[in-house]
Structures are given as C-alpha cells and as structure tokens.
Protein backbone atom coordinates (compact mmCIF):
# COMPACT_ATOMS: atom_id res chain seq x y z
CA MET A 1 92.55 4.86 4.03
CA GLY A 2 91.26 1.55 5.03
CA SER A 3 88.88 3.14 7.45
CA SER A 4 87.56 5.54 4.89
CA SER A 5 86.96 2.74 2.41
CA GLY A 6 85.02 0.86 5.09
CA ALA A 7 82.90 3.87 5.75
CA SER A 8 82.24 4.45 2.09
CA SER A 9 81.37 0.78 1.55
CA GLY A 10 79.02 0.92 4.54
CA SER A 11 77.29 3.98 3.24
CA SER A 12 76.87 2.45 -0.23
CA VAL A 13 75.17 -0.56 1.40
CA GLY A 14 72.98 1.86 3.36
CA VAL A 15 72.04 3.71 0.17
CA GLY A 16 71.25 0.38 -1.46
CA ASN A 17 69.00 -0.50 1.48
CA VAL A 18 67.25 2.86 1.20
CA ASP A 19 66.77 2.42 -2.54
CA GLU A 20 65.50 -1.13 -1.97
CA ARG A 21 63.08 0.10 0.73
CA LYS A 22 61.85 2.90 -1.57
CA ARG A 23 61.32 0.41 -4.38
CA LYS A 24 59.43 -2.02 -2.09
CA ARG A 25 57.33 0.84 -0.70
CA MET A 26 56.54 2.04 -4.24
CA ILE A 27 55.50 -1.50 -5.24
CA SER A 28 53.46 -1.83 -2.06
CA ASN A 29 51.78 1.56 -2.68
CA ARG A 30 50.97 0.61 -6.27
CA GLU A 31 49.47 -2.69 -5.10
CA SER A 32 47.49 -0.89 -2.39
CA ALA A 33 46.21 1.65 -4.94
CA ARG A 34 45.25 -1.20 -7.29
CA ARG A 35 43.33 -2.95 -4.49
CA SER A 36 41.67 0.35 -3.57
CA ARG A 37 40.58 0.89 -7.20
CA MET A 38 39.23 -2.67 -7.31
CA ARG A 39 37.27 -2.14 -4.08
CA LYS A 40 35.92 1.16 -5.43
CA ARG A 41 34.93 -0.48 -8.75
CA LYS A 42 33.22 -3.31 -6.87
CA ARG A 43 31.40 -0.83 -4.61
CA VAL A 44 30.25 1.21 -7.66
CA ASP A 45 29.10 -1.98 -9.43
CA ASN A 46 27.18 -3.07 -6.34
CA LEU A 47 25.54 0.36 -6.03
CA ALA A 48 24.60 0.33 -9.73
CA ALA A 49 23.07 -3.14 -9.36
CA GLU A 50 21.15 -2.03 -6.26
CA ALA A 51 19.94 1.09 -8.09
CA GLY A 52 18.68 -1.10 -10.94
CA ARG A 53 16.94 -3.43 -8.49
CA LEU A 54 15.33 -0.46 -6.73
CA VAL A 55 14.11 0.98 -10.04
CA VAL A 56 12.44 -2.35 -10.87
CA GLU A 57 10.94 -2.60 -7.38
CA ASN A 58 9.71 0.99 -7.59
CA ARG A 59 7.99 0.25 -10.93
CA ARG A 60 6.33 -2.80 -9.39
CA ILE A 61 5.15 -0.78 -6.39
CA VAL A 62 3.75 1.97 -8.63
CA GLU A 63 1.89 -0.60 -10.74
CA THR A 64 0.49 -2.21 -7.59
CA LEU A 65 -0.56 1.20 -6.30
CA VAL A 66 -2.35 2.05 -9.55
CA LEU A 67 -4.21 -1.29 -9.46
CA THR A 68 -5.08 -0.81 -5.79
CA GLU A 69 -6.39 2.71 -6.45
CA GLY A 70 -8.56 1.34 -9.26
CA MET A 71 -9.96 -1.37 -6.98
CA TYR A 72 -10.55 1.24 -4.26
CA ILE A 73 -12.56 3.39 -6.68
CA ASP A 74 -14.62 0.33 -7.69
CA VAL A 75 -15.28 -0.57 -4.05
CA GLU A 76 -16.27 3.03 -3.27
CA ALA A 77 -18.74 2.99 -6.18
CA ASP A 78 -20.20 -0.33 -4.97
CA ASN A 79 -20.38 1.08 -1.45
CA SER A 80 -22.31 4.14 -2.68
CA VAL A 81 -24.81 1.88 -4.44
CA LEU A 82 -25.21 -0.21 -1.29
CA ARG A 83 -25.73 2.92 0.84
CA ALA A 84 -28.47 4.09 -1.55
CA GLN A 85 -30.09 0.65 -1.35
CA VAL A 86 -29.93 0.73 2.46
CA ALA A 87 -31.63 4.14 2.47
CA GLU A 88 -34.39 2.91 0.14
CA LEU A 89 -34.90 -0.32 2.08
CA SER A 90 -35.00 1.60 5.36
CA SER A 91 -37.68 3.85 3.89
CA ARG A 92 -39.67 0.80 2.75
CA LEU A 93 -39.30 -0.77 6.19
CA ASP A 94 -40.56 2.40 7.84
CA SER A 95 -43.55 2.38 5.48
CA LEU A 96 -44.28 -1.27 6.21
CA ASN A 97 -43.97 -0.69 9.95
CA GLY A 98 -46.45 2.17 9.55
CA ILE A 99 -48.85 -0.17 7.74
CA ILE A 100 -48.49 -2.79 10.48
CA GLY A 101 -49.12 -0.17 13.15
CA TYR A 102 -52.18 1.09 11.25
CA VAL A 103 -53.54 -2.45 10.83
CA ASN A 104 -52.91 -3.27 14.50
CA SER A 105 -54.65 -0.11 15.65
CA MET A 106 -57.61 -0.82 13.37
CA ASN A 107 -57.77 -4.43 14.52
CA SER A 108 -58.14 -3.25 18.08
CA LEU A 109 -60.96 -0.92 16.96
CA CYS A 110 -62.60 -3.66 14.91
CA GLY A 111 -62.77 -6.11 17.76
CA ARG A 112 -66.52 -5.50 18.02
CA ARG A 113 -67.20 -5.89 14.28
CA THR A 114 -66.79 -8.91 12.05
CA GLN A 115 -63.26 -9.39 10.80
CA GLY A 116 -64.10 -9.40 7.05
CA ASN A 117 -66.03 -6.14 7.04
CA CYS A 118 -63.46 -4.31 9.16
CA MET A 119 -60.49 -5.33 7.04
CA ASP A 120 -62.32 -4.42 3.83
CA ASP A 121 -62.98 -0.98 5.25
CA LEU A 122 -59.30 -0.57 6.25
CA TRP A 123 -57.64 -2.00 3.14
CA GLU A 124 -58.53 0.65 0.55
CA PRO A 125 -57.54 3.82 2.53
CA MET A 126 -54.36 2.17 3.78
CA MET A 127 -53.15 1.26 0.28
CA ALA A 128 -54.08 4.69 -1.05
CA ASP A 129 -51.96 6.42 1.64
CA VAL A 130 -48.94 4.12 1.85
CA GLY A 131 -48.90 2.00 -1.32
CA PRO A 132 -47.18 4.49 -3.66
CA SER A 133 -44.33 5.12 -1.20
CA ILE A 134 -43.29 1.46 -0.98
CA GLY A 135 -43.38 0.74 -4.72
CA MET A 136 -43.21 -2.70 -6.24
CA PHE A 137 -41.55 -5.58 -4.41
C-alpha cells in the first residue's frame, strides 16, 4: 500500500501544479487583456486627437482657400482693367504714330516752302482727322 500512497501523493502534487499553472495562466491572460485594452484605448484616444487636429487644419485650409479665391477674383478684375487700358493706349499710340507719319510725309513735301506756312496748312486737316480718336491726354 505504500506504493499506492506514493503514487496518489505524486498525482495530488501534479494536480496542484496543474491548478497552479492554470491560475498563473489565467492571471497572465487577464493582465495581457488589460494591457491590450489599454493599448486599444490609447490608440483610440490618439486617433480622436488626430481627427480633431485634422478638423481644425481643414477649417484653416478652407478659410485660406476662400481668402485666396477672393484675392484671385480681385486680381482678375484688376487685370481686366489693365488689359482695357493697354488696348486704349495701344490705339492712342497707333493714332499718334499715324500723326507722326503724316507730319513727316508733309515735311518732306514742304521742303520747298517756308516752314510756318506748310505747318499751318497741315495742322487743321490733321487734327480734324485724328484728333477725336485720341481724346484728351
């Protein structure tokens, strides 16, 4: 019977070891699950903070875009005015170049006459033809 009592005492120690291992594993699993929940909570908190930061940044970008679009519209309006002024000034320049060409051609014809009489003869028809197109300076 001695041998059977040794076997039974050995198996009770083995069962105790198994129970102890199960208990340690359960504690370890609980601790691991707790750490996992903490990591998950931290990850969710970080994502929420990043989402908030991105919302603020998005608002700032939209505001900047609206301001930039407004400035673009202003610049386009100014550019249109400048283009119209360029067209008008180009037209005036063409008219003035025509006057200079007319005066130069008449000066070459007037080389035989006195300067005063020739220019008086040229001045009135030239201003009647070109004057209204150049307007006031």
